[in-house]
Amino acid sequence: MRSFSDLFLLFAATILLPAVLLFAADVDTKFHNAPASAKATKNPYQGQDAAAQAGKRLYASNCLSCHGKMGKGTGNVPSLVDGKLDSVAPGEVFWFVTKGDKDNGMPSWAALPAKQRWQIVTYVKSMGTSQNSQGASAPAPPDMSTSKLKAAPPTPPFTDFRYEKPGTVHQITVNDLPQPYATQSAENGPKLVARPDNVWPAAPAGFKVELYASGLDNPRTLRTAPNGDIFLTESDPGRIRVFRGLTSDGKPEQSAIFASGLKQPYGLAFYPPGPDPQWLYVGNTNEVVRFPYHNGDLKASGAPEHIADLPAGGGHWTRAVAFSQDGKKLFVAVGSGSNVDDPDTSPREKNRADILVCDPSNCTLSVYAYGIRNAGGGIAVNPETGELWCSVNERDGLGDNLVPDYITHVQEGGFYGWPWWYMGGHQDPRHQGKHPELKDKAIVPDVLLQPHNASLELAFYEGQQFPAEYKGDIFASEHGSWNKAVRVGYEVIRVPLHQKGDASGDYEDFLTGFVLPDGNVWGRPVGVTVAADGSLLVSDDGSNSIWRVSYSGK
């Protein structure tokens, strides 16, 4: 296991080290180790509106699929806006666009004429300036709607959104894994569109889906307080919202802002566990903080108290938090800053791709489990067994059907492979020959999910409303792929634990329909929580909504 002790010296020395990932900004003096000559190179089209407009069209054709219309990125694709590129010289961005970084998902665009690369740089730099100075979103690039999909059906057990239907059961084993590079690595990020009036999420027979809340701003983690209030992080605006009550048409009776002014808040956990918490812990992207909290509070009664620093910068900014049942352990999940960078040679990866742990009374973080590329989207403790579970985004770049995302219970001191190994003793070819001593230590996860589907928050069903066979099962959100030729994910799944707390490797599509037949996307599930009445709430940062799933049939 790796020590956490050098984190503070590392950050004191460098503030934040660069993330070699696409062309997001770094705070280091060198942007992706760009040479001094790149920094000195001037943009011949700087300030020219015509160049920015041309770059906007080129961005839509070449960059939008990964970085998104507004340049906010997703998953391990960092944001290009909100000040992320302010300290980076245009020549450095041009250099990186030209060079690329294949291992971390950024292709080289050297084939584009230099003029077009400069136009893209001009537009991207204007996006950040517009959002920072005006406080509003930059103009959206034109909609690049896809045509009707004619791709061949997937080869089972692998699937895609066309075959995700409520009640469909999937199971992937290590024997199903293809060889690396069996297919090309795709760049197929979501094209977000408005939900058509005649489209609604689909759930199994007997379940009803209602729109619980809408008009939100980047809704992410959901958490049910002991008194039944529903807490939500809105990460981009840096605030926590709380909902109370339920009207006859399935809407909250009351909504309030509990806290604001936070830095990309994500994880939420009440402490101590049980019916009478005194604190609400929050995983910001760079630290853990806590607010005084008592049942029924709609607004924080005090300022946030700093608990621990966390690695920050680069991709995978979400920080999930959870407490052990006895309240003696605080778990914090920190994802990698890259796709597959070697922590041995990339200092920015130190103490990332880990689940960390500390005593809440005196939080000095250490490593609980490692080699977990990104569990920052979701960790939870099984209320029946006390085991810690996690939901993991695995690496990209090895083809359509590698590497599976996964959901698993977490062994203390366990090694889960990243970046050298995956799914047990399968070596990543990009690290051939490295760390042979870890091959037999790499743990095969409990449930292998579709590769690239971006598994995020998970919750154990402890309600009384759903049928008895759901008791104790896991519900997990699948935010959706970008590195697969035909989209996968964009759904909520159910992992049966068979009333024993043990997974058998299979999972079931539960809430689907967030992708249109032409491949465009209108919704992206993120957070899941079980409400006090036993219904399931699902946050969706594609349509900025929360959906409520209740059971009304047999």
Protein backbone atom coordinates (compact mmCIF):
# COMPACT_ATOMS: atom_id res chain seq x y z
CA MET A 1 0.00 0.00 0.00
CA ARG A 2 1.10 3.52 -0.70
CA SER A 3 1.54 6.18 1.96
CA PHE A 4 -0.52 9.37 2.09
CA SER A 5 2.13 11.24 4.02
CA ASP A 6 3.84 12.90 1.07
CA LEU A 7 0.67 14.49 -0.26
CA PHE A 8 0.98 17.71 1.66
CA LEU A 9 4.66 18.22 0.75
CA LEU A 10 3.86 17.49 -2.86
CA PHE A 11 1.07 20.03 -2.99
CA ALA A 12 3.02 22.61 -1.01
CA ALA A 13 5.83 22.32 -3.52
CA THR A 14 3.80 22.37 -6.72
CA ILE A 15 0.32 23.70 -5.82
CA LEU A 16 -1.23 21.45 -8.48
CA LEU A 17 0.62 19.27 -10.92
CA PRO A 18 -0.46 19.02 -14.56
CA ALA A 19 -2.97 16.45 -15.73
CA VAL A 20 -1.81 15.00 -19.03
CA LEU A 21 -5.32 14.68 -20.34
CA LEU A 22 -6.87 16.35 -23.36
CA PHE A 23 -6.21 20.06 -23.35
CA ALA A 24 -7.41 21.20 -19.96
CA ALA A 25 -5.53 23.89 -18.10
CA ASP A 26 -2.78 23.23 -15.59
CA VAL A 27 -1.47 25.40 -12.82
CA ASP A 28 2.05 24.11 -13.31
CA THR A 29 4.56 26.35 -15.07
CA LYS A 30 4.48 23.91 -17.99
CA PHE A 31 1.27 22.88 -19.71
CA HIS A 32 1.61 19.13 -20.35
CA ASN A 33 5.39 19.69 -20.39
CA ALA A 34 5.11 22.01 -23.36
CA PRO A 35 8.51 23.42 -24.41
CA ALA A 36 9.36 27.06 -23.78
CA SER A 37 9.17 27.69 -27.52
CA ALA A 38 5.47 26.73 -27.48
CA LYS A 39 4.71 29.24 -24.74
CA ALA A 40 6.47 31.95 -26.72
CA THR A 41 4.55 31.22 -29.94
CA LYS A 42 1.91 33.86 -30.61
CA ASN A 43 -1.55 33.18 -32.02
CA PRO A 44 -1.71 34.94 -35.39
CA TYR A 45 -5.52 35.10 -35.14
CA GLN A 46 -5.86 36.25 -31.55
CA GLY A 47 -8.82 38.57 -31.02
CA GLN A 48 -10.23 38.00 -34.50
CA ASP A 49 -13.95 37.26 -34.32
CA ALA A 50 -13.94 35.57 -37.74
CA ALA A 51 -11.27 33.15 -36.56
CA ALA A 52 -13.25 32.37 -33.39
CA GLN A 53 -16.39 31.67 -35.45
CA ALA A 54 -14.44 29.39 -37.78
CA GLY A 55 -12.95 27.69 -34.73
CA LYS A 56 -16.44 27.21 -33.32
CA ARG A 57 -17.43 25.19 -36.38
CA LEU A 58 -14.21 23.19 -36.27
CA TYR A 59 -14.67 22.55 -32.53
CA ALA A 60 -18.15 21.15 -33.23
CA SER A 61 -16.76 18.77 -35.85
CA ASN A 62 -13.64 17.62 -34.00
CA CYS A 63 -13.79 18.39 -30.26
CA LEU A 64 -17.43 18.50 -29.17
CA SER A 65 -17.89 14.74 -28.84
CA CYS A 66 -15.47 14.62 -25.88
CA HIS A 67 -15.44 18.13 -24.43
CA GLY A 68 -19.15 18.89 -24.89
CA LYS A 69 -20.94 21.88 -26.39
CA MET A 70 -19.99 24.18 -23.54
CA GLY A 71 -16.46 22.83 -23.06
CA LYS A 72 -17.23 21.51 -19.57
CA GLY A 73 -15.96 17.99 -20.25
CA THR A 74 -17.20 14.93 -18.42
CA GLY A 75 -15.70 12.06 -16.46
CA ASN A 76 -11.95 12.05 -17.09
CA VAL A 77 -12.28 14.80 -19.74
CA PRO A 78 -11.49 18.05 -17.89
CA SER A 79 -13.27 21.34 -18.39
CA LEU A 80 -11.91 23.93 -20.80
CA VAL A 81 -13.87 26.78 -19.25
CA ASP A 82 -14.40 28.39 -15.82
CA GLY A 83 -10.86 29.80 -15.87
CA LYS A 84 -9.16 26.48 -16.61
CA LEU A 85 -7.14 27.89 -19.53
CA ASP A 86 -6.59 31.44 -18.28
CA SER A 87 -2.98 30.82 -17.27
CA VAL A 88 -2.10 28.80 -20.39
CA ALA A 89 -0.51 30.53 -23.38
CA PRO A 90 -2.27 30.02 -26.74
CA GLY A 91 0.95 28.55 -28.15
CA GLU A 92 0.96 25.85 -25.48
CA VAL A 93 -2.61 24.88 -26.30
CA PHE A 94 -1.73 24.82 -30.02
CA TRP A 95 1.28 22.62 -29.26
CA PHE A 96 -0.82 20.12 -27.32
CA VAL A 97 -3.62 20.07 -29.90
CA THR A 98 -0.94 19.25 -32.47
CA LYS A 99 0.90 16.68 -30.37
CA GLY A 100 -2.00 14.97 -28.58
CA ASP A 101 -1.72 12.32 -25.87
CA LYS A 102 -3.05 9.02 -27.16
CA ASP A 103 -2.83 7.11 -23.89
CA ASN A 104 -5.01 9.68 -22.15
CA GLY A 105 -7.61 9.98 -24.89
CA MET A 106 -6.40 13.11 -26.70
CA PRO A 107 -5.71 12.47 -30.40
CA SER A 108 -3.16 14.43 -32.35
CA TRP A 109 -4.76 16.96 -34.67
CA ALA A 110 -1.58 17.51 -36.68
CA ALA A 111 -3.48 16.48 -39.83
CA LEU A 112 -5.55 19.66 -39.60
CA PRO A 113 -3.96 22.66 -41.31
CA ALA A 114 -2.16 24.95 -38.88
CA LYS A 115 -4.66 27.72 -39.60
CA GLN A 116 -7.54 25.52 -38.47
CA ARG A 117 -5.72 24.47 -35.30
CA TRP A 118 -5.16 28.12 -34.46
CA GLN A 119 -8.83 28.84 -35.12
CA ILE A 120 -9.82 26.11 -32.66
CA VAL A 121 -7.44 27.57 -30.08
CA THR A 122 -8.94 31.02 -30.67
CA TYR A 123 -12.46 29.71 -30.11
CA VAL A 124 -11.58 27.63 -27.05
CA LYS A 125 -9.81 30.56 -25.40
CA SER A 126 -12.84 32.77 -26.13
CA MET A 127 -15.14 30.22 -24.48
CA GLY A 128 -13.35 30.54 -21.18
CA THR A 129 -13.18 34.33 -21.39
CA SER A 130 -16.89 34.58 -22.11
CA GLN A 131 -17.89 32.39 -19.19
CA ASN A 132 -15.54 34.10 -16.75
CA SER A 133 -16.19 37.72 -17.63
CA GLN A 134 -19.89 37.58 -18.39
CA GLY A 135 -20.93 34.89 -15.94
CA ALA A 136 -22.86 33.19 -18.73
CA SER A 137 -22.32 30.26 -21.01
CA ALA A 138 -20.38 30.73 -24.22
CA PRO A 139 -22.37 30.42 -27.45
CA ALA A 140 -23.09 26.77 -28.16
CA PRO A 141 -21.56 25.23 -31.26
CA PRO A 142 -24.07 24.06 -33.83
CA ASP A 143 -25.95 20.85 -33.05
CA MET A 144 -24.19 17.92 -34.69
CA SER A 145 -27.12 15.49 -34.63
CA THR A 146 -26.26 12.00 -35.71
CA SER A 147 -28.12 10.10 -38.39
CA LYS A 148 -30.17 6.99 -37.65
CA LEU A 149 -27.84 4.30 -36.37
CA LYS A 150 -27.20 1.34 -38.63
CA ALA A 151 -24.45 -0.34 -36.62
CA ALA A 152 -24.47 -4.12 -36.34
CA PRO A 153 -25.89 -5.62 -33.14
CA PRO A 154 -23.36 -6.00 -30.31
CA THR A 155 -21.87 -9.39 -29.52
CA PRO A 156 -23.19 -10.66 -26.14
CA PRO A 157 -22.49 -10.28 -23.31
CA PHE A 158 -21.62 -6.77 -24.46
CA THR A 159 -24.46 -4.45 -25.38
CA ASP A 160 -25.35 -0.88 -26.24
CA PHE A 161 -28.22 1.52 -25.58
CA ARG A 162 -30.39 0.01 -28.34
CA TYR A 163 -30.70 -3.19 -26.31
CA GLU A 164 -30.99 -1.71 -22.81
CA LYS A 165 -34.54 -2.45 -21.70
CA PRO A 166 -36.02 -2.59 -18.18
CA GLY A 167 -35.72 -6.11 -16.84
CA THR A 168 -32.97 -7.24 -19.22
CA VAL A 169 -30.26 -9.18 -17.36
CA HIS A 170 -26.56 -8.98 -18.26
CA GLN A 171 -23.51 -10.81 -16.98
CA ILE A 172 -19.88 -10.32 -18.07
CA THR A 173 -17.03 -12.53 -16.86
CA VAL A 174 -13.27 -12.29 -17.32
CA ASN A 175 -13.53 -15.09 -19.88
CA ASP A 176 -15.58 -12.77 -22.09
CA LEU A 177 -12.91 -10.08 -22.35
CA PRO A 178 -11.43 -9.47 -25.81
CA GLN A 179 -7.79 -8.77 -26.49
CA PRO A 180 -6.69 -5.13 -26.24
CA TYR A 181 -7.24 -3.17 -29.44
CA ALA A 182 -9.65 -5.77 -30.87
CA THR A 183 -11.52 -2.68 -32.07
CA GLN A 184 -10.42 0.88 -32.51
CA SER A 185 -10.79 3.28 -29.62
CA ALA A 186 -13.85 5.43 -30.36
CA GLU A 187 -14.47 9.12 -29.71
CA ASN A 188 -18.22 9.33 -29.36
CA GLY A 189 -19.20 11.73 -26.62
CA PRO A 190 -22.86 12.52 -26.00
CA LYS A 191 -24.71 15.06 -28.08
CA LEU A 192 -27.08 16.53 -25.51
CA VAL A 193 -30.51 17.62 -26.77
CA ALA A 194 -33.73 18.69 -25.10
CA ARG A 195 -36.05 15.87 -24.04
CA PRO A 196 -38.83 15.52 -26.64
CA ASP A 197 -42.34 15.92 -25.22
CA ASN A 198 -43.26 12.32 -26.06
CA VAL A 199 -40.18 10.77 -24.39
CA TRP A 200 -40.05 9.57 -20.79
CA PRO A 201 -37.74 7.25 -18.80
CA ALA A 202 -38.84 3.61 -18.85
CA ALA A 203 -39.00 1.33 -15.78
CA PRO A 204 -40.14 -2.29 -15.31
CA ALA A 205 -43.84 -3.14 -15.31
CA GLY A 206 -45.56 -2.03 -12.12
CA PHE A 207 -43.26 0.97 -11.61
CA LYS A 208 -44.24 4.59 -12.19
CA VAL A 209 -41.78 7.33 -13.22
CA GLU A 210 -42.52 10.96 -12.34
CA LEU A 211 -40.60 14.22 -12.76
CA TYR A 212 -39.76 15.15 -9.16
CA ALA A 213 -37.82 18.37 -9.83
CA SER A 214 -36.58 20.30 -12.88
CA GLY A 215 -34.71 23.50 -13.71
CA LEU A 216 -31.73 22.47 -11.58
CA ASP A 217 -28.09 23.34 -12.28
CA ASN A 218 -25.77 20.33 -12.65
CA PRO A 219 -27.55 18.06 -10.12
CA ARG A 220 -25.24 15.33 -8.91
CA THR A 221 -25.22 13.38 -5.61
CA LEU A 222 -28.49 12.71 -3.79
CA ARG A 223 -28.64 11.77 -0.10
CA THR A 224 -31.64 11.12 2.16
CA ALA A 225 -31.31 12.67 5.62
CA PRO A 226 -32.45 10.68 8.67
CA ASN A 227 -35.58 12.86 8.95
CA GLY A 228 -36.51 12.17 5.30
CA ASP A 229 -35.29 15.42 3.70
CA ILE A 230 -33.52 14.98 0.36
CA PHE A 231 -30.11 16.64 -0.06
CA LEU A 232 -28.63 17.35 -3.51
CA THR A 233 -25.27 18.71 -4.62
CA GLU A 234 -25.36 21.10 -7.57
CA SER A 235 -21.68 20.90 -8.34
CA ASP A 236 -21.07 23.56 -10.98
CA PRO A 237 -22.64 26.43 -9.00
CA GLY A 238 -21.08 25.05 -5.80
CA ARG A 239 -24.16 24.62 -3.65
CA ILE A 240 -26.23 22.10 -1.71
CA ARG A 241 -29.99 22.06 -2.05
CA VAL A 242 -32.55 20.39 0.22
CA PHE A 243 -36.08 19.19 -0.61
CA ARG A 244 -38.85 18.41 1.87
CA GLY A 245 -42.21 16.70 1.66
CA LEU A 246 -44.15 15.29 -1.28
CA THR A 247 -47.21 16.68 -3.03
CA SER A 248 -49.99 14.58 -4.53
CA ASP A 249 -48.37 14.87 -7.96
CA GLY A 250 -44.97 13.64 -6.79
CA LYS A 251 -43.21 16.99 -6.33
CA PRO A 252 -41.36 18.30 -3.25
CA GLU A 253 -43.43 20.58 -1.05
CA GLN A 254 -40.45 22.75 -0.17
CA SER A 255 -36.99 23.54 -1.56
CA ALA A 256 -34.16 25.53 0.01
CA ILE A 257 -30.45 26.25 -0.46
CA PHE A 258 -28.62 24.66 2.46
CA ALA A 259 -25.16 26.02 1.58
CA SER A 260 -23.36 27.76 -1.29
CA GLY A 261 -19.91 29.02 -2.20
CA LEU A 262 -18.38 25.53 -2.30
CA LYS A 263 -15.81 24.22 -4.77
CA GLN A 264 -17.46 21.52 -6.90
CA PRO A 265 -19.20 19.73 -4.02
CA TYR A 266 -20.14 16.12 -4.73
CA GLY A 267 -20.13 13.58 -1.88
CA LEU A 268 -22.50 13.93 1.10
CA ALA A 269 -22.61 11.98 4.38
CA PHE A 270 -24.36 12.59 7.73
CA TYR A 271 -22.38 12.09 10.94
CA PRO A 272 -22.62 10.31 13.24
CA PRO A 273 -24.55 7.54 11.47
CA GLY A 274 -27.99 6.96 12.90
CA PRO A 275 -31.13 8.97 13.59
CA ASP A 276 -29.56 12.07 15.19
CA PRO A 277 -26.67 13.48 13.10
CA GLN A 278 -24.69 16.52 14.22
CA TRP A 279 -22.77 17.20 11.01
CA LEU A 280 -23.07 17.03 7.24
CA TYR A 281 -19.76 16.07 5.61
CA VAL A 282 -19.14 17.26 2.05
CA GLY A 283 -16.57 16.07 -0.48
CA ASN A 284 -15.40 19.14 -2.37
CA THR A 285 -13.03 18.51 -5.25
CA ASN A 286 -10.04 19.70 -3.19
CA GLU A 287 -11.02 19.02 0.42
CA VAL A 288 -13.46 17.48 2.86
CA VAL A 289 -15.49 19.98 4.87
CA ARG A 290 -18.37 19.66 7.29
CA PHE A 291 -21.34 21.80 8.32
CA PRO A 292 -23.18 21.76 11.63
CA TYR A 293 -26.44 19.92 11.03
CA HIS A 294 -29.47 18.84 13.03
CA ASN A 295 -32.57 17.11 11.77
CA GLY A 296 -34.82 19.59 10.00
CA ASP A 297 -32.17 22.20 9.14
CA LEU A 298 -32.92 23.79 5.77
CA LYS A 299 -29.95 26.13 5.96
CA ALA A 300 -26.49 25.59 7.40
CA SER A 301 -26.17 27.22 10.81
CA GLY A 302 -22.45 27.78 10.47
CA ALA A 303 -19.56 28.09 8.04
CA PRO A 304 -17.91 24.96 6.61
CA GLU A 305 -15.16 23.48 8.76
CA HIS A 306 -12.10 22.16 6.93
CA ILE A 307 -11.42 18.48 7.68
CA ALA A 308 -8.79 17.31 5.18
CA ASP A 309 -7.03 18.33 1.99
CA LEU A 310 -7.51 16.16 -1.11
CA PRO A 311 -5.57 15.83 -4.37
CA ALA A 312 -7.15 18.03 -7.03
CA GLY A 313 -6.77 19.06 -10.66
CA GLY A 314 -7.04 17.19 -13.94
CA GLY A 315 -9.85 14.76 -14.64
CA HIS A 316 -12.07 12.88 -12.20
CA TRP A 317 -12.93 15.76 -9.91
CA THR A 318 -15.72 14.07 -7.91
CA ARG A 319 -15.05 13.06 -4.29
CA ALA A 320 -17.50 10.57 -2.78
CA VAL A 321 -17.65 10.22 1.03
CA ALA A 322 -19.18 7.62 3.37
CA PHE A 323 -18.96 6.53 7.01
CA SER A 324 -18.59 3.05 8.45
CA GLN A 325 -21.60 1.86 10.42
CA ASP A 326 -19.90 2.52 13.76
CA GLY A 327 -18.85 6.00 12.66
CA LYS A 328 -15.17 5.30 13.34
CA LYS A 329 -14.06 5.48 9.71
CA LEU A 330 -14.56 8.19 7.10
CA PHE A 331 -14.01 6.87 3.58
CA VAL A 332 -13.13 9.25 0.72
CA ALA A 333 -12.82 8.15 -2.91
CA VAL A 334 -10.35 10.01 -5.12
CA GLY A 335 -10.17 9.16 -8.81
CA SER A 336 -7.09 9.21 -11.02
CA GLY A 337 -6.12 12.44 -12.71
CA SER A 338 -5.59 10.65 -16.02
CA ASN A 339 -6.56 7.62 -18.04
CA VAL A 340 -3.52 5.39 -17.57
CA ASP A 341 -0.54 7.44 -16.35
CA ASP A 342 1.94 5.50 -14.24
CA PRO A 343 2.07 6.76 -10.62
CA ASP A 344 5.74 5.70 -10.55
CA THR A 345 6.63 8.39 -13.09
CA SER A 346 3.69 10.82 -12.80
CA PRO A 347 3.81 12.60 -9.42
CA ARG A 348 0.32 14.03 -9.99
CA GLU A 349 -1.06 10.48 -9.60
CA LYS A 350 0.31 10.04 -6.09
CA ASN A 351 -2.51 9.19 -3.68
CA ARG A 352 -5.08 9.15 -6.46
CA ALA A 353 -7.02 6.16 -7.82
CA ASP A 354 -7.50 5.23 -4.17
CA ILE A 355 -10.12 4.99 -1.50
CA LEU A 356 -8.76 6.85 1.49
CA VAL A 357 -9.76 6.50 5.14
CA CYS A 358 -9.39 8.40 8.40
CA ASP A 359 -10.74 8.64 11.91
CA PRO A 360 -13.36 11.44 11.75
CA SER A 361 -12.27 12.77 15.15
CA ASN A 362 -8.77 13.46 13.81
CA CYS A 363 -8.69 13.04 10.07
CA THR A 364 -5.25 11.97 8.91
CA LEU A 365 -5.90 10.20 5.65
CA SER A 366 -4.29 6.92 4.64
CA VAL A 367 -4.92 4.44 1.84
CA TYR A 368 -7.71 1.91 2.45
CA ALA A 369 -7.68 0.30 -1.02
CA TYR A 370 -5.81 1.21 -4.21
CA GLY A 371 -5.57 0.66 -7.94
CA ILE A 372 -9.20 1.80 -8.27
CA ARG A 373 -9.18 4.15 -11.23
CA ASN A 374 -12.18 6.22 -10.20
CA ALA A 375 -14.60 5.42 -7.40
CA GLY A 376 -15.17 9.14 -6.85
CA GLY A 377 -18.61 8.77 -8.38
CA GLY A 378 -19.93 6.45 -5.72
CA ILE A 379 -19.11 4.60 -2.50
CA ALA A 380 -21.58 3.25 0.06
CA VAL A 381 -21.65 0.98 3.09
CA ASN A 382 -24.01 -1.98 2.96
CA PRO A 383 -26.40 -1.44 5.89
CA GLU A 384 -26.86 -5.19 6.33
CA THR A 385 -23.23 -6.38 6.27
CA GLY A 386 -21.24 -3.22 7.02
CA GLU A 387 -19.05 -3.79 3.95
CA LEU A 388 -17.83 -0.86 1.88
CA TRP A 389 -18.85 -1.01 -1.80
CA CYS A 390 -17.79 1.15 -4.72
CA SER A 391 -18.84 1.99 -8.26
CA VAL A 392 -15.88 2.42 -10.62
CA ASN A 393 -15.04 4.07 -13.94
CA GLU A 394 -12.30 1.94 -15.47
CA ARG A 395 -9.78 3.06 -18.11
CA ASP A 396 -10.41 3.88 -21.78
CA GLY A 397 -8.44 3.55 -24.99
CA LEU A 398 -8.22 -0.24 -25.40
CA GLY A 399 -11.25 -0.72 -27.64
CA ASP A 400 -15.04 -0.87 -27.45
CA ASN A 401 -15.21 -3.76 -24.98
CA LEU A 402 -12.28 -3.03 -22.67
CA VAL A 403 -12.07 -2.33 -19.80
CA PRO A 404 -15.36 -3.12 -17.99
CA ASP A 405 -16.55 -0.68 -15.37
CA TYR A 406 -17.48 -2.44 -12.17
CA ILE A 407 -19.29 -2.52 -8.83
CA THR A 408 -17.64 -4.41 -5.99
CA HIS A 409 -17.23 -4.72 -2.26
CA VAL A 410 -13.89 -3.27 -1.19
CA GLN A 411 -11.27 -5.28 0.65
CA GLU A 412 -9.11 -3.33 3.08
CA GLY A 413 -5.60 -3.17 1.61
CA GLY A 414 -6.94 -4.54 -1.67
CA PHE A 415 -5.33 -3.79 -5.03
CA TYR A 416 -7.69 -3.54 -8.02
CA GLY A 417 -5.20 -3.22 -10.85
CA TRP A 418 -5.01 0.34 -12.16
CA PRO A 419 -2.97 1.30 -14.13
CA TRP A 420 -0.80 -1.77 -14.71
CA TRP A 421 -3.40 -4.56 -14.55
CA TYR A 422 -7.14 -4.96 -15.01
CA MET A 423 -9.78 -7.56 -14.08
CA GLY A 424 -7.22 -9.64 -12.25
CA GLY A 425 -4.03 -10.62 -14.07
CA HIS A 426 -4.64 -8.86 -17.41
CA GLN A 427 -1.80 -6.45 -18.12
CA ASP A 428 -2.46 -3.14 -19.78
CA PRO A 429 -0.27 -3.22 -22.91
CA ARG A 430 0.65 0.41 -22.34
CA HIS A 431 2.53 -0.76 -19.23
CA GLN A 432 3.96 -3.99 -20.55
CA GLY A 433 6.39 -5.64 -18.14
CA LYS A 434 5.74 -3.30 -15.21
CA HIS A 435 5.02 -4.54 -11.70
CA PRO A 436 4.84 -8.30 -12.29
CA GLU A 437 4.72 -8.73 -8.51
CA LEU A 438 1.22 -7.21 -8.52
CA LYS A 439 -0.30 -9.54 -11.11
CA ASP A 440 -1.58 -12.08 -8.61
CA LYS A 441 -2.68 -9.39 -6.18
CA ALA A 442 -5.09 -7.70 -8.61
CA ILE A 443 -8.62 -8.44 -7.43
CA VAL A 444 -11.39 -9.36 -9.85
CA PRO A 445 -14.43 -7.20 -8.96
CA ASP A 446 -17.79 -8.69 -7.99
CA VAL A 447 -19.86 -7.31 -10.90
CA LEU A 448 -18.39 -6.45 -14.30
CA LEU A 449 -20.41 -3.79 -16.12
CA GLN A 450 -20.38 -2.62 -19.72
CA PRO A 451 -17.05 -0.98 -20.61
CA HIS A 452 -17.08 2.82 -20.71
CA ASN A 453 -20.56 3.26 -19.24
CA ALA A 454 -19.31 5.55 -16.44
CA SER A 455 -20.82 3.99 -13.33
CA LEU A 456 -21.47 6.65 -10.65
CA GLU A 457 -23.52 6.78 -7.45
CA LEU A 458 -24.95 3.62 -5.87
CA ALA A 459 -27.50 3.03 -3.12
CA PHE A 460 -28.74 -0.02 -1.23
CA TYR A 461 -32.50 -0.48 -1.31
CA GLU A 462 -33.74 -0.54 2.28
CA GLY A 463 -37.24 0.77 1.60
CA GLN A 464 -40.54 -1.07 2.03
CA GLN A 465 -42.33 0.05 -1.15
CA PHE A 466 -40.69 -2.10 -3.85
CA PRO A 467 -41.33 -5.86 -4.10
CA ALA A 468 -39.62 -7.99 -1.45
CA GLU A 469 -37.02 -9.38 -3.86
CA TYR A 470 -35.51 -5.87 -4.18
CA LYS A 471 -34.66 -5.69 -0.47
CA GLY A 472 -30.93 -5.06 0.01
CA ASP A 473 -30.18 -4.81 -3.71
CA ILE A 474 -27.98 -2.10 -5.24
CA PHE A 475 -29.24 0.60 -7.58
CA ALA A 476 -26.50 2.40 -9.51
CA SER A 477 -26.45 5.20 -12.08
CA GLU A 478 -24.60 4.75 -15.37
CA HIS A 479 -23.73 8.21 -16.66
CA GLY A 480 -22.95 7.01 -20.19
CA SER A 481 -20.04 6.34 -22.53
CA TRP A 482 -17.85 8.49 -24.74
CA ASN A 483 -15.24 5.86 -25.67
CA LYS A 484 -17.56 3.38 -27.40
CA ALA A 485 -18.66 3.41 -31.06
CA VAL A 486 -22.33 2.93 -30.12
CA ARG A 487 -23.35 4.46 -26.81
CA VAL A 488 -23.82 2.39 -23.69
CA GLY A 489 -24.98 3.31 -20.21
CA TYR A 490 -27.26 6.33 -19.76
CA GLU A 491 -29.42 4.26 -17.40
CA VAL A 492 -29.94 3.08 -13.83
CA ILE A 493 -29.16 -0.56 -13.12
CA ARG A 494 -30.09 -3.00 -10.36
CA VAL A 495 -27.50 -5.38 -8.88
CA PRO A 496 -29.23 -8.22 -7.01
CA LEU A 497 -27.61 -9.26 -3.74
CA HIS A 498 -30.13 -12.07 -3.11
CA GLN A 499 -30.92 -10.99 0.46
CA LYS A 500 -27.48 -12.29 1.43
CA GLY A 501 -25.30 -9.26 0.69
CA ASP A 502 -23.42 -11.15 -2.03
CA ALA A 503 -23.44 -10.37 -5.75
CA SER A 504 -23.51 -13.20 -8.28
CA GLY A 505 -22.04 -11.14 -11.13
CA ASP A 506 -25.24 -10.28 -12.96
CA TYR A 507 -27.06 -6.96 -13.19
CA GLU A 508 -30.35 -5.77 -14.66
CA ASP A 509 -31.41 -2.71 -16.65
CA PHE A 510 -33.86 -0.80 -14.46
CA LEU A 511 -34.43 2.77 -15.71
CA THR A 512 -33.66 3.37 -19.39
CA GLY A 513 -34.68 5.59 -22.32
CA PHE A 514 -32.28 8.51 -21.92
CA VAL A 515 -30.87 8.07 -25.44
CA LEU A 516 -32.96 8.73 -28.55
CA PRO A 517 -33.01 6.30 -31.49
CA ASP A 518 -30.65 8.53 -33.48
CA GLY A 519 -28.02 8.32 -30.72
CA ASN A 520 -28.55 11.80 -29.31
CA VAL A 521 -28.77 12.02 -25.52
CA TRP A 522 -31.29 13.95 -23.43
CA GLY A 523 -30.54 12.61 -19.94
CA ARG A 524 -27.59 11.34 -17.89
CA PRO A 525 -28.25 9.67 -14.51
CA VAL A 526 -25.85 10.60 -11.70
CA GLY A 527 -27.24 10.33 -8.17
CA VAL A 528 -29.53 7.72 -6.61
CA THR A 529 -31.13 7.62 -3.19
CA VAL A 530 -33.99 5.80 -1.51
CA ALA A 531 -36.57 8.27 -0.17
CA ALA A 532 -38.31 7.81 3.17
CA ASP A 533 -41.45 6.47 1.43
CA GLY A 534 -39.42 3.79 -0.37
CA SER A 535 -39.41 5.43 -3.78
CA LEU A 536 -36.15 5.82 -5.71
CA LEU A 537 -34.90 9.28 -6.68
CA VAL A 538 -32.48 9.71 -9.58
CA SER A 539 -30.65 12.93 -10.46
CA ASP A 540 -30.02 13.62 -14.14
CA ASP A 541 -27.47 16.26 -15.13
CA GLY A 542 -28.38 15.96 -18.82
CA SER A 543 -31.88 17.40 -18.40
CA ASN A 544 -31.06 19.03 -15.02
CA SER A 545 -33.84 17.09 -13.35
CA ILE A 546 -34.64 14.57 -10.62
CA TRP A 547 -36.82 11.57 -11.44
CA ARG A 548 -38.96 9.67 -8.92
CA VAL A 549 -39.60 5.95 -9.39
CA SER A 550 -42.36 4.42 -7.29
CA TYR A 551 -44.01 1.00 -7.26
CA SER A 552 -47.73 0.82 -7.85
CA GLY A 553 -48.38 -2.62 -9.30
CA LYS A 554 -47.73 -6.30 -8.97
